[in-house]
């Protein structure tokens, strides 16, 4: 099953972390404690195009918030 991990870098002049967390949780992410900030559990194997689509949705949702992010997906 695929999991997509998200690592954030926030700008001190951007949105507060609590607002960013709410945006991401509305996309289906949950907080993660081991090396990443959030994880999206697909509950199944996801294709590369699906993961890229998720990255597009993250970018759109965070537009204007002054947040940089990195995603990494694994099949466990």
PDB file of N, CA and C in Angstrom:
ATOM      1  N   UNK A   1       0.840  -1.178   0.000  1.00  0.00           N
ATOM      2  CA  UNK A   1       0.000   0.000   0.000  1.00  0.00           C
ATOM      3  C   UNK A   1       0.886   1.241   0.000  1.00  0.00           C
ATOM      4  N   UNK A   2       0.451   2.238  -0.717  1.00  0.00           N
ATOM      5  CA  UNK A   2       1.225   3.464  -0.858  1.00  0.00           C
ATOM      6  C   UNK A   2       0.936   4.431   0.277  1.00  0.00           C
ATOM      7  N   UNK A   3       2.001   5.051   0.743  1.00  0.00           N
ATOM      8  CA  UNK A   3       1.891   6.158   1.685  1.00  0.00           C
ATOM      9  C   UNK A   3       2.705   7.313   1.110  1.00  0.00           C
ATOM     10  N   UNK A   4       2.168   8.509   1.223  1.00  0.00           N
ATOM     11  CA  UNK A   4       2.868   9.699   0.764  1.00  0.00           C
ATOM     12  C   UNK A   4       3.185  10.554   1.979  1.00  0.00           C
ATOM     13  N   UNK A   5       4.459  10.829   2.156  1.00  0.00           N
ATOM     14  CA  UNK A   5       4.935  11.604   3.294  1.00  0.00           C
ATOM     15  C   UNK A   5       5.211  13.032   2.859  1.00  0.00           C
ATOM     16  N   UNK A   6       4.958  13.963   3.750  1.00  0.00           N
ATOM     17  CA  UNK A   6       5.081  15.379   3.445  1.00  0.00           C
ATOM     18  C   UNK A   6       5.974  16.050   4.482  1.00  0.00           C
ATOM     19  N   UNK A   7       6.953  16.783   3.993  1.00  0.00           N
ATOM     20  CA  UNK A   7       7.849  17.555   4.852  1.00  0.00           C
ATOM     21  C   UNK A   7       7.660  19.020   4.498  1.00  0.00           C
ATOM     22  N   UNK A   8       7.417  19.844   5.494  1.00  0.00           N
ATOM     23  CA  UNK A   8       7.119  21.259   5.274  1.00  0.00           C
ATOM     24  C   UNK A   8       8.276  22.158   5.693  1.00  0.00           C
ATOM     25  N   UNK A   9       8.354  23.302   5.030  1.00  0.00           N
ATOM     26  CA  UNK A   9       9.229  24.381   5.449  1.00  0.00           C
ATOM     27  C   UNK A   9       8.393  25.647   5.384  1.00  0.00           C
ATOM     28  N   UNK A  10       8.139  26.242   6.531  1.00  0.00           N
ATOM     29  CA  UNK A  10       7.285  27.415   6.602  1.00  0.00           C
ATOM     30  C   UNK A  10       8.117  28.683   6.654  1.00  0.00           C
ATOM     31  N   UNK A  11       7.603  29.724   6.045  1.00  0.00           N
ATOM     32  CA  UNK A  11       8.207  31.051   6.062  1.00  0.00           C
ATOM     33  C   UNK A  11       7.641  31.796   7.273  1.00  0.00           C
ATOM     34  N   UNK A  12       8.494  32.477   8.001  1.00  0.00           N
ATOM     35  CA  UNK A  12       8.014  33.198   9.197  1.00  0.00           C
ATOM     36  C   UNK A  12       7.021  34.307   8.842  1.00  0.00           C
ATOM     37  N   UNK A  13       6.971  34.720   7.597  1.00  0.00           N
ATOM     38  CA  UNK A  13       6.024  35.742   7.151  1.00  0.00           C
ATOM     39  C   UNK A  13       4.767  35.117   6.536  1.00  0.00           C
ATOM     40  N   UNK A  14       4.677  33.806   6.551  1.00  0.00           N
ATOM     41  CA  UNK A  14       3.546  33.115   5.938  1.00  0.00           C
ATOM     42  C   UNK A  14       2.481  32.720   6.931  1.00  0.00           C
ATOM     43  N   UNK A  15       1.641  31.793   6.502  1.00  0.00           N
ATOM     44  CA  UNK A  15       0.516  31.327   7.322  1.00  0.00           C
ATOM     45  C   UNK A  15       1.009  30.594   8.566  1.00  0.00           C
ATOM     46  N   UNK A  16       0.260  30.696   9.664  1.00  0.00           N
ATOM     47  CA  UNK A  16       0.601  29.944  10.873  1.00  0.00           C
ATOM     48  C   UNK A  16       0.500  28.438  10.628  1.00  0.00           C
ATOM     49  N   UNK A  17       1.313  27.690  11.350  1.00  0.00           N
ATOM     50  CA  UNK A  17       1.354  26.228  11.189  1.00  0.00           C
ATOM     51  C   UNK A  17      -0.028  25.615  11.397  1.00  0.00           C
ATOM     52  N   UNK A  18      -0.786  26.134  12.343  1.00  0.00           N
ATOM     53  CA  UNK A  18      -2.112  25.564  12.618  1.00  0.00           C
ATOM     54  C   UNK A  18      -3.028  25.690  11.401  1.00  0.00           C
ATOM     55  N   UNK A  19      -2.939  26.787  10.656  1.00  0.00           N
ATOM     56  CA  UNK A  19      -3.751  26.955   9.452  1.00  0.00           C
ATOM     57  C   UNK A  19      -3.293  26.003   8.349  1.00  0.00           C
ATOM     58  N   UNK A  20      -1.979  25.865   8.205  1.00  0.00           N
ATOM     59  CA  UNK A  20      -1.427  24.947   7.212  1.00  0.00           C
ATOM     60  C   UNK A  20      -1.855  23.517   7.536  1.00  0.00           C
ATOM     61  N   UNK A  21      -1.780  23.144   8.804  1.00  0.00           N
ATOM     62  CA  UNK A  21      -2.185  21.798   9.226  1.00  0.00           C
ATOM     63  C   UNK A  21      -3.654  21.547   8.896  1.00  0.00           C
ATOM     64  N   UNK A  22      -4.499  22.522   9.116  1.00  0.00           N
ATOM     65  CA  UNK A  22      -5.925  22.360   8.819  1.00  0.00           C
ATOM     66  C   UNK A  22      -6.151  22.150   7.320  1.00  0.00           C
ATOM     67  N   UNK A  23      -5.443  22.905   6.493  1.00  0.00           N
ATOM     68  CA  UNK A  23      -5.545  22.747   5.036  1.00  0.00           C
ATOM     69  C   UNK A  23      -5.162  21.330   4.637  1.00  0.00           C
ATOM     70  N   UNK A  24      -4.051  20.850   5.176  1.00  0.00           N
ATOM     71  CA  UNK A  24      -3.562  19.515   4.813  1.00  0.00           C
ATOM     72  C   UNK A  24      -4.472  18.417   5.337  1.00  0.00           C
ATOM     73  N   UNK A  25      -4.994  18.582   6.530  1.00  0.00           N
ATOM     74  CA  UNK A  25      -5.914  17.586   7.081  1.00  0.00           C
ATOM     75  C   UNK A  25      -7.193  17.529   6.250  1.00  0.00           C
ATOM     76  N   UNK A  26      -7.620  18.664   5.696  1.00  0.00           N
ATOM     77  CA  UNK A  26      -8.793  18.678   4.816  1.00  0.00           C
ATOM     78  C   UNK A  26      -8.526  17.940   3.507  1.00  0.00           C
ATOM     79  N   UNK A  27      -7.254  17.808   3.134  1.00  0.00           N
ATOM     80  CA  UNK A  27      -6.881  17.035   1.943  1.00  0.00           C
ATOM     81  C   UNK A  27      -6.738  15.542   2.255  1.00  0.00           C
ATOM     82  N   UNK A  28      -6.817  15.173   3.532  1.00  0.00           N
ATOM     83  CA  UNK A  28      -6.723  13.770   3.916  1.00  0.00           C
ATOM     84  C   UNK A  28      -5.413  13.379   4.577  1.00  0.00           C
ATOM     85  N   UNK A  29      -4.526  14.342   4.820  1.00  0.00           N
ATOM     86  CA  UNK A  29      -3.275  14.051   5.515  1.00  0.00           C
ATOM     87  C   UNK A  29      -3.522  13.961   7.007  1.00  0.00           C
ATOM     88  N   UNK A  30      -2.644  13.224   7.693  1.00  0.00           N
ATOM     89  CA  UNK A  30      -2.696  13.198   9.162  1.00  0.00           C
ATOM     90  C   UNK A  30      -1.286  13.500   9.678  1.00  0.00           C
ATOM     91  N   UNK A  31      -1.195  14.102  10.851  1.00  0.00           N
ATOM     92  CA  UNK A  31       0.124  14.416  11.407  1.00  0.00           C
ATOM     93  C   UNK A  31       0.984  13.169  11.553  1.00  0.00           C
ATOM     94  N   UNK A  32       2.267  13.334  11.323  1.00  0.00           N
ATOM     95  CA  UNK A  32       3.245  12.245  11.413  1.00  0.00           C
ATOM     96  C   UNK A  32       4.348  12.702  12.356  1.00  0.00           C
ATOM     97  N   UNK A  33       4.941  11.785  13.089  1.00  0.00           N
ATOM     98  CA  UNK A  33       5.959  12.168  14.067  1.00  0.00           C
ATOM     99  C   UNK A  33       7.351  11.642  13.757  1.00  0.00           C
ATOM    100  N   UNK A  34       7.469  10.732  12.818  1.00  0.00           N
ATOM    101  CA  UNK A  34       8.765  10.095  12.601  1.00  0.00           C
ATOM    102  C   UNK A  34       9.446  10.589  11.321  1.00  0.00           C
ATOM    103  N   UNK A  35      10.062  11.765  11.380  1.00  0.00           N
ATOM    104  CA  UNK A  35      10.853  12.264  10.276  1.00  0.00           C
ATOM    105  C   UNK A  35      10.103  13.112   9.270  1.00  0.00           C
ATOM    106  N   UNK A  36       8.788  13.083   9.293  1.00  0.00           N
ATOM    107  CA  UNK A  36       7.977  13.882   8.371  1.00  0.00           C
ATOM    108  C   UNK A  36       6.924  14.623   9.177  1.00  0.00           C
ATOM    109  N   UNK A  37       6.302  15.603   8.525  1.00  0.00           N
ATOM    110  CA  UNK A  37       5.265  16.369   9.210  1.00  0.00           C
ATOM    111  C   UNK A  37       3.874  15.747   9.066  1.00  0.00           C
ATOM    112  N   UNK A  38       3.594  15.188   7.863  1.00  0.00           N
ATOM    113  CA  UNK A  38       2.273  14.613   7.595  1.00  0.00           C
ATOM    114  C   UNK A  38       2.420  13.375   6.729  1.00  0.00           C
ATOM    115  N   UNK A  39       1.392  12.521   6.770  1.00  0.00           N
ATOM    116  CA  UNK A  39       1.356  11.335   5.918  1.00  0.00           C
ATOM    117  C   UNK A  39      -0.050  11.206   5.323  1.00  0.00           C
ATOM    118  N   UNK A  40      -0.084  10.773   4.076  1.00  0.00           N
ATOM    119  CA  UNK A  40      -1.333  10.462   3.383  1.00  0.00           C
ATOM    120  C   UNK A  40      -1.317   8.968   3.107  1.00  0.00           C
ATOM    121  N   UNK A  41      -2.222   8.235   3.701  1.00  0.00           N
ATOM    122  CA  UNK A  41      -2.299   6.786   3.528  1.00  0.00           C
ATOM    123  C   UNK A  41      -3.343   6.499   2.460  1.00  0.00           C
ATOM    124  N   UNK A  42      -2.883   6.024   1.323  1.00  0.00           N
ATOM    125  CA  UNK A  42      -3.779   5.749   0.206  1.00  0.00           C
ATOM    126  C   UNK A  42      -4.694   4.563   0.489  1.00  0.00           C
ATOM    127  N   UNK A  43      -4.265   3.648   1.344  1.00  0.00           N
ATOM    128  CA  UNK A  43      -5.062   2.467   1.628  1.00  0.00           C
ATOM    129  C   UNK A  43      -5.015   1.435   0.516  1.00  0.00           C
ATOM    130  N   UNK A  44      -4.174   1.684  -0.466  1.00  0.00           N
ATOM    131  CA  UNK A  44      -4.010   0.808  -1.632  1.00  0.00           C
ATOM    132  C   UNK A  44      -2.750   1.248  -2.362  1.00  0.00           C
ATOM    133  N   UNK A  45      -2.388   0.533  -3.410  1.00  0.00           N
ATOM    134  CA  UNK A  45      -1.274   0.975  -4.238  1.00  0.00           C
ATOM    135  C   UNK A  45      -1.738   2.136  -5.118  1.00  0.00           C
ATOM    136  N   UNK A  46      -0.962   3.204  -5.146  1.00  0.00           N
ATOM    137  CA  UNK A  46      -1.285   4.369  -5.969  1.00  0.00           C
ATOM    138  C   UNK A  46      -0.292   4.464  -7.121  1.00  0.00           C
ATOM    139  N   UNK A  47      -0.763   4.953  -8.244  1.00  0.00           N
ATOM    140  CA  UNK A  47       0.105   5.111  -9.411  1.00  0.00           C
ATOM    141  C   UNK A  47       0.900   6.417  -9.299  1.00  0.00           C
ATOM    142  N   UNK A  48       1.917   6.513 -10.126  1.00  0.00           N
ATOM    143  CA  UNK A  48       2.725   7.732 -10.150  1.00  0.00           C
ATOM    144  C   UNK A  48       1.849   8.930 -10.523  1.00  0.00           C
ATOM    145  N   UNK A  49       0.964   8.761 -11.474  1.00  0.00           N
ATOM    146  CA  UNK A  49       0.109   9.883 -11.880  1.00  0.00           C
ATOM    147  C   UNK A  49      -0.831  10.315 -10.747  1.00  0.00           C
ATOM    148  N   UNK A  50      -1.284   9.367  -9.938  1.00  0.00           N
ATOM    149  CA  UNK A  50      -2.125   9.732  -8.793  1.00  0.00           C
ATOM    150  C   UNK A  50      -1.335  10.524  -7.764  1.00  0.00           C
ATOM    151  N   UNK A  51      -0.096  10.115  -7.515  1.00  0.00           N
ATOM    152  CA  UNK A  51       0.748  10.834  -6.559  1.00  0.00           C
ATOM    153  C   UNK A  51       1.048  12.240  -7.079  1.00  0.00           C
ATOM    154  N   UNK A  52       1.312  12.353  -8.384  1.00  0.00           N
ATOM    155  CA  UNK A  52       1.544  13.675  -8.962  1.00  0.00           C
ATOM    156  C   UNK A  52       0.295  14.546  -8.863  1.00  0.00           C
ATOM    157  N   UNK A  53      -0.866  13.947  -9.032  1.00  0.00           N
ATOM    158  CA  UNK A  53      -2.110  14.686  -8.865  1.00  0.00           C
ATOM    159  C   UNK A  53      -2.291  15.176  -7.442  1.00  0.00           C
ATOM    160  N   UNK A  54      -1.902  14.353  -6.474  1.00  0.00           N
ATOM    161  CA  UNK A  54      -1.956  14.783  -5.075  1.00  0.00           C
ATOM    162  C   UNK A  54      -1.004  15.956  -4.849  1.00  0.00           C
ATOM    163  N   UNK A  55       0.185  15.893  -5.425  1.00  0.00           N
ATOM    164  CA  UNK A  55       1.136  17.005  -5.289  1.00  0.00           C
ATOM    165  C   UNK A  55       0.554  18.285  -5.879  1.00  0.00           C
ATOM    166  N   UNK A  56      -0.145  18.181  -6.997  1.00  0.00           N
ATOM    167  CA  UNK A  56      -0.801  19.353  -7.595  1.00  0.00           C
ATOM    168  C   UNK A  56      -1.858  19.926  -6.656  1.00  0.00           C
ATOM    169  N   UNK A  57      -2.631  19.041  -6.010  1.00  0.00           N
ATOM    170  CA  UNK A  57      -3.667  19.502  -5.070  1.00  0.00           C
ATOM    171  C   UNK A  57      -3.046  20.180  -3.848  1.00  0.00           C
ATOM    172  N   UNK A  58      -1.921  19.638  -3.376  1.00  0.00           N
ATOM    173  CA  UNK A  58      -1.221  20.263  -2.247  1.00  0.00           C
ATOM    174  C   UNK A  58      -0.761  21.654  -2.648  1.00  0.00           C
ATOM    175  N   UNK A  59      -0.135  21.758  -3.806  1.00  0.00           N
ATOM    176  CA  UNK A  59       0.371  23.048  -4.265  1.00  0.00           C
ATOM    177  C   UNK A  59      -0.761  24.070  -4.390  1.00  0.00           C
ATOM    178  N   UNK A  60      -1.869  23.661  -4.957  1.00  0.00           N
ATOM    179  CA  UNK A  60      -3.001  24.567  -5.111  1.00  0.00           C
ATOM    180  C   UNK A  60      -3.562  24.995  -3.751  1.00  0.00           C
ATOM    181  N   UNK A  61      -3.687  24.036  -2.832  1.00  0.00           N
ATOM    182  CA  UNK A  61      -4.252  24.338  -1.510  1.00  0.00           C
ATOM    183  C   UNK A  61      -3.352  25.271  -0.702  1.00  0.00           C
ATOM    184  N   UNK A  62      -2.044  25.161  -0.905  1.00  0.00           N
ATOM    185  CA  UNK A  62      -1.098  25.975  -0.126  1.00  0.00           C
ATOM    186  C   UNK A  62      -0.685  27.265  -0.842  1.00  0.00           C
ATOM    187  N   UNK A  63      -1.230  27.494  -2.033  1.00  0.00           N
ATOM    188  CA  UNK A  63      -0.879  28.697  -2.789  1.00  0.00           C
ATOM    189  C   UNK A  63      -1.109  29.951  -1.940  1.00  0.00           C
ATOM    190  N   UNK A  64      -0.119  30.812  -1.893  1.00  0.00           N
ATOM    191  CA  UNK A  64      -0.221  32.065  -1.152  1.00  0.00           C
ATOM    192  C   UNK A  64       0.106  31.957   0.327  1.00  0.00           C
ATOM    193  N   UNK A  65       0.366  30.739   0.826  1.00  0.00           N
ATOM    194  CA  UNK A  65       0.627  30.554   2.257  1.00  0.00           C
ATOM    195  C   UNK A  65       2.109  30.687   2.612  1.00  0.00           C
ATOM    196  N   UNK A  66       2.962  30.775   1.602  1.00  0.00           N
ATOM    197  CA  UNK A  66       4.416  30.863   1.782  1.00  0.00           C
ATOM    198  C   UNK A  66       4.955  29.617   2.496  1.00  0.00           C
ATOM    199  N   UNK A  67       4.554  28.462   1.958  1.00  0.00           N
ATOM    200  CA  UNK A  67       4.981  27.176   2.493  1.00  0.00           C
ATOM    201  C   UNK A  67       5.681  26.402   1.380  1.00  0.00           C
ATOM    202  N   UNK A  68       6.848  25.870   1.683  1.00  0.00           N
ATOM    203  CA  UNK A  68       7.548  24.972   0.775  1.00  0.00           C
ATOM    204  C   UNK A  68       7.300  23.554   1.271  1.00  0.00           C
ATOM    205  N   UNK A  69       7.216  22.612   0.343  1.00  0.00           N
ATOM    206  CA  UNK A  69       6.986  21.235   0.764  1.00  0.00           C
ATOM    207  C   UNK A  69       7.749  20.268  -0.113  1.00  0.00           C
ATOM    208  N   UNK A  70       7.976  19.105   0.452  1.00  0.00           N
ATOM    209  CA  UNK A  70       8.608  17.991  -0.243  1.00  0.00           C
ATOM    210  C   UNK A  70       7.760  16.758   0.018  1.00  0.00           C
ATOM    211  N   UNK A  71       7.490  15.989  -1.015  1.00  0.00           N
ATOM    212  CA  UNK A  71       6.743  14.745  -0.830  1.00  0.00           C
ATOM    213  C   UNK A  71       7.628  13.564  -1.196  1.00  0.00           C
ATOM    214  N   UNK A  72       7.329  12.450  -0.558  1.00  0.00           N
ATOM    215  CA  UNK A  72       8.004  11.192  -0.848  1.00  0.00           C
ATOM    216  C   UNK A  72       6.979  10.090  -0.650  1.00  0.00           C
ATOM    217  N   UNK A  73       6.846   9.241  -1.659  1.00  0.00           N
ATOM    218  CA  UNK A  73       5.884   8.146  -1.575  1.00  0.00           C
ATOM    219  C   UNK A  73       6.607   6.811  -1.525  1.00  0.00           C
ATOM    220  N   UNK A  74       6.049   5.898  -0.747  1.00  0.00           N
ATOM    221  CA  UNK A  74       6.616   4.551  -0.627  1.00  0.00           C
ATOM    222  C   UNK A  74       5.495   3.531  -0.722  1.00  0.00           C
ATOM    223  N   UNK A  75       5.848   2.363  -1.191  1.00  0.00           N
ATOM    224  CA  UNK A  75       4.922   1.234  -1.182  1.00  0.00           C
ATOM    225  C   UNK A  75       5.355   0.308  -0.074  1.00  0.00           C
ATOM    226  N   UNK A  76       4.518   0.148   0.927  1.00  0.00           N
ATOM    227  CA  UNK A  76       4.864  -0.682   2.087  1.00  0.00           C
ATOM    228  C   UNK A  76       4.128  -1.997   2.036  1.00  0.00           C
TER     229      UNK A  76
END
